[in-house]
Amino acid sequence: MTDVAFPSPTLPAPSRAAVFLGYLDYSRRRIIDKVKELDAAQQRRSHLPSGWTPLELVKHLTFVEMRWLEWGFAGRTMEDPWGDNRDGHWYVDPTETAEVLVSALLEQGKRSRSIIEGNDLAAVGQPGPRWDGAEPATLERVLFHLVHEYSRHLGHLDIVVELANGKIGE
């Protein structure tokens, strides 16, 4: 089980950024824990009509953080910001292991933390292709989006794990 406690709204936090970081860290760890509850075959098999697999979800979330915080907000050049996608669907190469994908998600979390801690929540992102012609968002808006994205996908994964092995999520 995760070593990151749920960031209860009743617990004090030193800043609004710390609240966002708490939810992102918790959700990231829960995603990893849930994927690890599945055996190797279950991690690579879709359990839903939409066709995505748990490992594809891990890779997708890595790229979501990268796209919004590094490519979008920080304005960094990305070689392939859509590298989690092939032909309009999430994609994991058969040679990519669960260990490598989990490690990449954790490393992305460290890079995300650095960006979040190094900027004010009201700071506006750098102009660039991530915004698709729209005005760049503030860091706070990006973080709201990321917390929502993680929450949705954690709920999806709860269902997938329950379907795969009977373990009931939170």
C-alpha atoms as a PDB file:
ATOM      1  CA  MET A   1       0.000   0.000   0.000  1.00  0.00           C
ATOM      2  CA  THR A   2       0.955   3.577  -0.556  1.00  0.00           C
ATOM      3  CA  ASP A   3       3.196   5.364   1.879  1.00  0.00           C
ATOM      4  CA  VAL A   4       1.566   8.680   0.949  1.00  0.00           C
ATOM      5  CA  ALA A   5      -1.377   9.575   3.181  1.00  0.00           C
ATOM      6  CA  PHE A   6      -4.619  10.887   1.754  1.00  0.00           C
ATOM      7  CA  PRO A   7      -4.438  14.699   1.977  1.00  0.00           C
ATOM      8  CA  SER A   8      -7.554  15.158   4.074  1.00  0.00           C
ATOM      9  CA  PRO A   9      -9.081  18.634   3.903  1.00  0.00           C
ATOM     10  CA  THR A  10      -9.035  18.736   7.707  1.00  0.00           C
ATOM     11  CA  LEU A  11      -5.240  18.507   7.876  1.00  0.00           C
ATOM     12  CA  PRO A  12      -3.281  21.766   7.844  1.00  0.00           C
ATOM     13  CA  ALA A  13      -1.162  22.531   4.782  1.00  0.00           C
ATOM     14  CA  PRO A  14       1.534  25.179   4.546  1.00  0.00           C
ATOM     15  CA  SER A  15       0.264  26.491   1.188  1.00  0.00           C
ATOM     16  CA  ARG A  16      -2.206  25.950  -1.623  1.00  0.00           C
ATOM     17  CA  ALA A  17       0.646  24.521  -3.703  1.00  0.00           C
ATOM     18  CA  ALA A  18       1.259  21.962  -0.957  1.00  0.00           C
ATOM     19  CA  VAL A  19      -2.402  20.929  -1.184  1.00  0.00           C
ATOM     20  CA  PHE A  20      -2.064  20.310  -4.922  1.00  0.00           C
ATOM     21  CA  LEU A  21       1.190  18.420  -4.409  1.00  0.00           C
ATOM     22  CA  GLY A  22      -0.421  16.279  -1.717  1.00  0.00           C
ATOM     23  CA  TYR A  23      -3.297  15.238  -3.969  1.00  0.00           C
ATOM     24  CA  LEU A  24      -1.024  14.593  -6.956  1.00  0.00           C
ATOM     25  CA  ASP A  25       1.456  12.553  -4.882  1.00  0.00           C
ATOM     26  CA  TYR A  26      -1.332  10.539  -3.293  1.00  0.00           C
ATOM     27  CA  SER A  27      -3.093   9.830  -6.582  1.00  0.00           C
ATOM     28  CA  ARG A  28       0.134   8.914  -8.359  1.00  0.00           C
ATOM     29  CA  ARG A  29       1.042   6.433  -5.601  1.00  0.00           C
ATOM     30  CA  ARG A  30      -2.457   4.916  -5.567  1.00  0.00           C
ATOM     31  CA  ILE A  31      -2.318   4.423  -9.347  1.00  0.00           C
ATOM     32  CA  ILE A  32       1.001   2.602  -8.925  1.00  0.00           C
ATOM     33  CA  ASP A  33      -0.288   0.507  -6.015  1.00  0.00           C
ATOM     34  CA  LYS A  34      -3.378  -0.522  -7.964  1.00  0.00           C
ATOM     35  CA  VAL A  35      -1.382  -1.499 -11.057  1.00  0.00           C
ATOM     36  CA  LYS A  36       0.923  -3.567  -8.849  1.00  0.00           C
ATOM     37  CA  GLU A  37      -2.117  -5.433  -7.490  1.00  0.00           C
ATOM     38  CA  LEU A  38      -2.500  -6.920 -10.965  1.00  0.00           C
ATOM     39  CA  ASP A  39      -0.348  -9.690 -12.379  1.00  0.00           C
ATOM     40  CA  ALA A  40       1.716  -9.033 -15.517  1.00  0.00           C
ATOM     41  CA  ALA A  41      -0.966 -10.354 -17.879  1.00  0.00           C
ATOM     42  CA  GLN A  42      -3.706  -8.255 -16.222  1.00  0.00           C
ATOM     43  CA  GLN A  43      -1.523  -5.139 -16.454  1.00  0.00           C
ATOM     44  CA  ARG A  44      -1.333  -5.543 -20.246  1.00  0.00           C
ATOM     45  CA  ARG A  45      -4.897  -6.682 -20.899  1.00  0.00           C
ATOM     46  CA  SER A  46      -7.857  -4.419 -21.355  1.00  0.00           C
ATOM     47  CA  HIS A  47     -10.780  -5.103 -19.058  1.00  0.00           C
ATOM     48  CA  LEU A  48     -13.109  -2.573 -20.699  1.00  0.00           C
ATOM     49  CA  PRO A  49     -14.767  -2.118 -24.109  1.00  0.00           C
ATOM     50  CA  SER A  50     -12.751   1.090 -24.667  1.00  0.00           C
ATOM     51  CA  GLY A  51      -9.621  -1.082 -24.876  1.00  0.00           C
ATOM     52  CA  TRP A  52      -7.106   0.683 -22.638  1.00  0.00           C
ATOM     53  CA  THR A  53      -4.819  -1.310 -20.346  1.00  0.00           C
ATOM     54  CA  PRO A  54      -3.554  -0.440 -16.865  1.00  0.00           C
ATOM     55  CA  LEU A  55       0.004   0.018 -18.168  1.00  0.00           C
ATOM     56  CA  GLU A  56      -1.271   2.323 -20.884  1.00  0.00           C
ATOM     57  CA  LEU A  57      -2.937   4.387 -18.159  1.00  0.00           C
ATOM     58  CA  VAL A  58       0.375   4.685 -16.274  1.00  0.00           C
ATOM     59  CA  LYS A  59       2.148   5.880 -19.419  1.00  0.00           C
ATOM     60  CA  HIS A  60      -0.728   8.237 -20.251  1.00  0.00           C
ATOM     61  CA  LEU A  61      -0.531   9.918 -16.836  1.00  0.00           C
ATOM     62  CA  THR A  62       3.225  10.361 -17.201  1.00  0.00           C
ATOM     63  CA  PHE A  63       2.661  12.154 -20.488  1.00  0.00           C
ATOM     64  CA  VAL A  64      -0.286  14.157 -19.138  1.00  0.00           C
ATOM     65  CA  GLU A  65       1.925  15.657 -16.426  1.00  0.00           C
ATOM     66  CA  MET A  66       4.709  16.236 -18.936  1.00  0.00           C
ATOM     67  CA  ARG A  67       2.404  17.913 -21.459  1.00  0.00           C
ATOM     68  CA  TRP A  68       0.730  20.231 -18.967  1.00  0.00           C
ATOM     69  CA  LEU A  69       3.654  21.173 -16.745  1.00  0.00           C
ATOM     70  CA  GLU A  70       6.828  20.816 -18.790  1.00  0.00           C
ATOM     71  CA  TRP A  71       5.669  21.374 -22.363  1.00  0.00           C
ATOM     72  CA  GLY A  72       2.767  23.663 -21.513  1.00  0.00           C
ATOM     73  CA  PHE A  73       3.396  25.696 -18.380  1.00  0.00           C
ATOM     74  CA  ALA A  74       7.225  25.711 -18.458  1.00  0.00           C
ATOM     75  CA  GLY A  75       7.358  25.962 -22.265  1.00  0.00           C
ATOM     76  CA  ARG A  76      10.030  23.293 -22.662  1.00  0.00           C
ATOM     77  CA  THR A  77      10.662  21.683 -26.011  1.00  0.00           C
ATOM     78  CA  MET A  78       9.418  18.103 -26.059  1.00  0.00           C
ATOM     79  CA  GLU A  79      10.596  15.585 -28.640  1.00  0.00           C
ATOM     80  CA  ASP A  80       7.286  13.695 -28.672  1.00  0.00           C
ATOM     81  CA  PRO A  81       4.704  15.173 -26.279  1.00  0.00           C
ATOM     82  CA  TRP A  82       2.103  12.704 -27.546  1.00  0.00           C
ATOM     83  CA  GLY A  83       4.313   9.628 -27.137  1.00  0.00           C
ATOM     84  CA  ASP A  84       1.599   7.857 -25.134  1.00  0.00           C
ATOM     85  CA  ASN A  85      -0.656   7.803 -28.176  1.00  0.00           C
ATOM     86  CA  ARG A  86      -0.671   5.772 -31.369  1.00  0.00           C
ATOM     87  CA  ASP A  87      -3.466   5.974 -33.923  1.00  0.00           C
ATOM     88  CA  GLY A  88      -5.713   7.852 -31.498  1.00  0.00           C
ATOM     89  CA  HIS A  89      -5.330   5.377 -28.620  1.00  0.00           C
ATOM     90  CA  TRP A  90      -3.051   5.062 -25.625  1.00  0.00           C
ATOM     91  CA  TYR A  91      -0.101   2.856 -26.454  1.00  0.00           C
ATOM     92  CA  VAL A  92       2.587   0.878 -24.646  1.00  0.00           C
ATOM     93  CA  ASP A  93       5.219  -0.915 -26.679  1.00  0.00           C
ATOM     94  CA  PRO A  94       5.453  -4.627 -25.802  1.00  0.00           C
ATOM     95  CA  THR A  95       9.094  -4.058 -24.768  1.00  0.00           C
ATOM     96  CA  GLU A  96       8.133  -1.441 -22.148  1.00  0.00           C
ATOM     97  CA  THR A  97       7.985  -3.074 -18.728  1.00  0.00           C
ATOM     98  CA  ALA A  98       5.780  -2.191 -15.787  1.00  0.00           C
ATOM     99  CA  GLU A  99       8.905  -1.312 -13.808  1.00  0.00           C
ATOM    100  CA  VAL A 100      10.111   1.133 -16.467  1.00  0.00           C
ATOM    101  CA  LEU A 101       6.676   2.745 -16.818  1.00  0.00           C
ATOM    102  CA  VAL A 102       6.212   3.101 -13.049  1.00  0.00           C
ATOM    103  CA  SER A 103       9.703   4.543 -12.709  1.00  0.00           C
ATOM    104  CA  ALA A 104       8.959   7.052 -15.476  1.00  0.00           C
ATOM    105  CA  LEU A 105       5.781   8.148 -13.679  1.00  0.00           C
ATOM    106  CA  LEU A 106       7.678   8.653 -10.428  1.00  0.00           C
ATOM    107  CA  GLU A 107      10.438  10.591 -12.195  1.00  0.00           C
ATOM    108  CA  GLN A 108       7.847  12.773 -13.892  1.00  0.00           C
ATOM    109  CA  GLY A 109       6.367  13.432 -10.465  1.00  0.00           C
ATOM    110  CA  LYS A 110       9.751  14.763  -9.309  1.00  0.00           C
ATOM    111  CA  ARG A 111      10.025  17.066 -12.331  1.00  0.00           C
ATOM    112  CA  SER A 112       6.449  18.227 -11.771  1.00  0.00           C
ATOM    113  CA  ARG A 113       7.168  18.937  -8.104  1.00  0.00           C
ATOM    114  CA  SER A 114      10.163  21.057  -9.091  1.00  0.00           C
ATOM    115  CA  ILE A 115       8.040  23.165 -11.435  1.00  0.00           C
ATOM    116  CA  ILE A 116       5.230  23.537  -8.889  1.00  0.00           C
ATOM    117  CA  GLU A 117       7.540  24.467  -6.016  1.00  0.00           C
ATOM    118  CA  GLY A 118       9.493  26.871  -8.219  1.00  0.00           C
ATOM    119  CA  ASN A 119       6.517  28.951  -9.312  1.00  0.00           C
ATOM    120  CA  ASP A 120       3.673  30.948  -7.853  1.00  0.00           C
ATOM    121  CA  LEU A 121       0.228  29.465  -8.480  1.00  0.00           C
ATOM    122  CA  ALA A 122      -0.813  32.695 -10.212  1.00  0.00           C
ATOM    123  CA  ALA A 123       2.085  32.478 -12.690  1.00  0.00           C
ATOM    124  CA  VAL A 124       0.991  32.178 -16.316  1.00  0.00           C
ATOM    125  CA  GLY A 125       2.440  29.455 -18.500  1.00  0.00           C
ATOM    126  CA  GLN A 126       4.818  30.143 -21.359  1.00  0.00           C
ATOM    127  CA  PRO A 127       3.310  30.652 -24.814  1.00  0.00           C
ATOM    128  CA  GLY A 128       3.727  27.633 -27.035  1.00  0.00           C
ATOM    129  CA  PRO A 129       2.111  24.831 -29.008  1.00  0.00           C
ATOM    130  CA  ARG A 130       0.571  23.156 -25.931  1.00  0.00           C
ATOM    131  CA  TRP A 131      -2.044  25.868 -25.736  1.00  0.00           C
ATOM    132  CA  ASP A 132      -3.168  25.361 -29.345  1.00  0.00           C
ATOM    133  CA  GLY A 133      -3.557  29.105 -29.943  1.00  0.00           C
ATOM    134  CA  ALA A 134      -5.269  29.872 -26.631  1.00  0.00           C
ATOM    135  CA  GLU A 135      -3.754  32.056 -23.933  1.00  0.00           C
ATOM    136  CA  PRO A 136      -1.555  30.043 -21.542  1.00  0.00           C
ATOM    137  CA  ALA A 137      -3.191  29.010 -18.277  1.00  0.00           C
ATOM    138  CA  THR A 138      -2.009  29.802 -14.781  1.00  0.00           C
ATOM    139  CA  LEU A 139      -0.216  27.116 -12.816  1.00  0.00           C
ATOM    140  CA  GLU A 140      -3.207  26.860 -10.475  1.00  0.00           C
ATOM    141  CA  ARG A 141      -5.585  26.081 -13.370  1.00  0.00           C
ATOM    142  CA  VAL A 142      -3.165  23.475 -14.726  1.00  0.00           C
ATOM    143  CA  LEU A 143      -2.975  21.847 -11.295  1.00  0.00           C
ATOM    144  CA  PHE A 144      -6.768  21.766 -10.931  1.00  0.00           C
ATOM    145  CA  HIS A 145      -6.863  20.005 -14.277  1.00  0.00           C
ATOM    146  CA  LEU A 146      -4.196  17.483 -13.244  1.00  0.00           C
ATOM    147  CA  VAL A 147      -5.917  16.676  -9.940  1.00  0.00           C
ATOM    148  CA  HIS A 148      -9.155  16.107 -11.851  1.00  0.00           C
ATOM    149  CA  GLU A 149      -7.397  13.936 -14.446  1.00  0.00           C
ATOM    150  CA  TYR A 150      -5.783  11.773 -11.778  1.00  0.00           C
ATOM    151  CA  SER A 151      -9.015  11.466  -9.806  1.00  0.00           C
ATOM    152  CA  ARG A 152     -10.994  10.301 -12.840  1.00  0.00           C
ATOM    153  CA  HIS A 153      -8.372   7.773 -13.856  1.00  0.00           C
ATOM    154  CA  LEU A 154      -7.907   6.470 -10.321  1.00  0.00           C
ATOM    155  CA  GLY A 155     -11.645   5.760 -10.252  1.00  0.00           C
ATOM    156  CA  HIS A 156     -11.381   4.021 -13.610  1.00  0.00           C
ATOM    157  CA  LEU A 157      -8.540   1.891 -12.309  1.00  0.00           C
ATOM    158  CA  ASP A 158     -10.530   1.009  -9.168  1.00  0.00           C
ATOM    159  CA  ILE A 159     -13.141  -0.540 -11.453  1.00  0.00           C
ATOM    160  CA  VAL A 160     -10.575  -2.319 -13.628  1.00  0.00           C
ATOM    161  CA  VAL A 161      -8.848  -3.882 -10.612  1.00  0.00           C
ATOM    162  CA  GLU A 162     -12.193  -5.003  -9.216  1.00  0.00           C
ATOM    163  CA  LEU A 163     -13.095  -6.599 -12.552  1.00  0.00           C
ATOM    164  CA  ALA A 164      -9.668  -8.234 -12.870  1.00  0.00           C
ATOM    165  CA  ASN A 165      -9.176  -9.684  -9.419  1.00  0.00           C
ATOM    166  CA  GLY A 166     -12.147  -8.839  -7.241  1.00  0.00           C
ATOM    167  CA  LYS A 167     -10.352  -6.350  -4.977  1.00  0.00           C
ATOM    168  CA  ILE A 168     -12.667  -3.472  -4.169  1.00  0.00           C
ATOM    169  CA  GLY A 169     -11.227   0.056  -4.284  1.00  0.00           C
ATOM    170  CA  GLU A 170     -11.761   2.949  -1.932  1.00  0.00           C
END
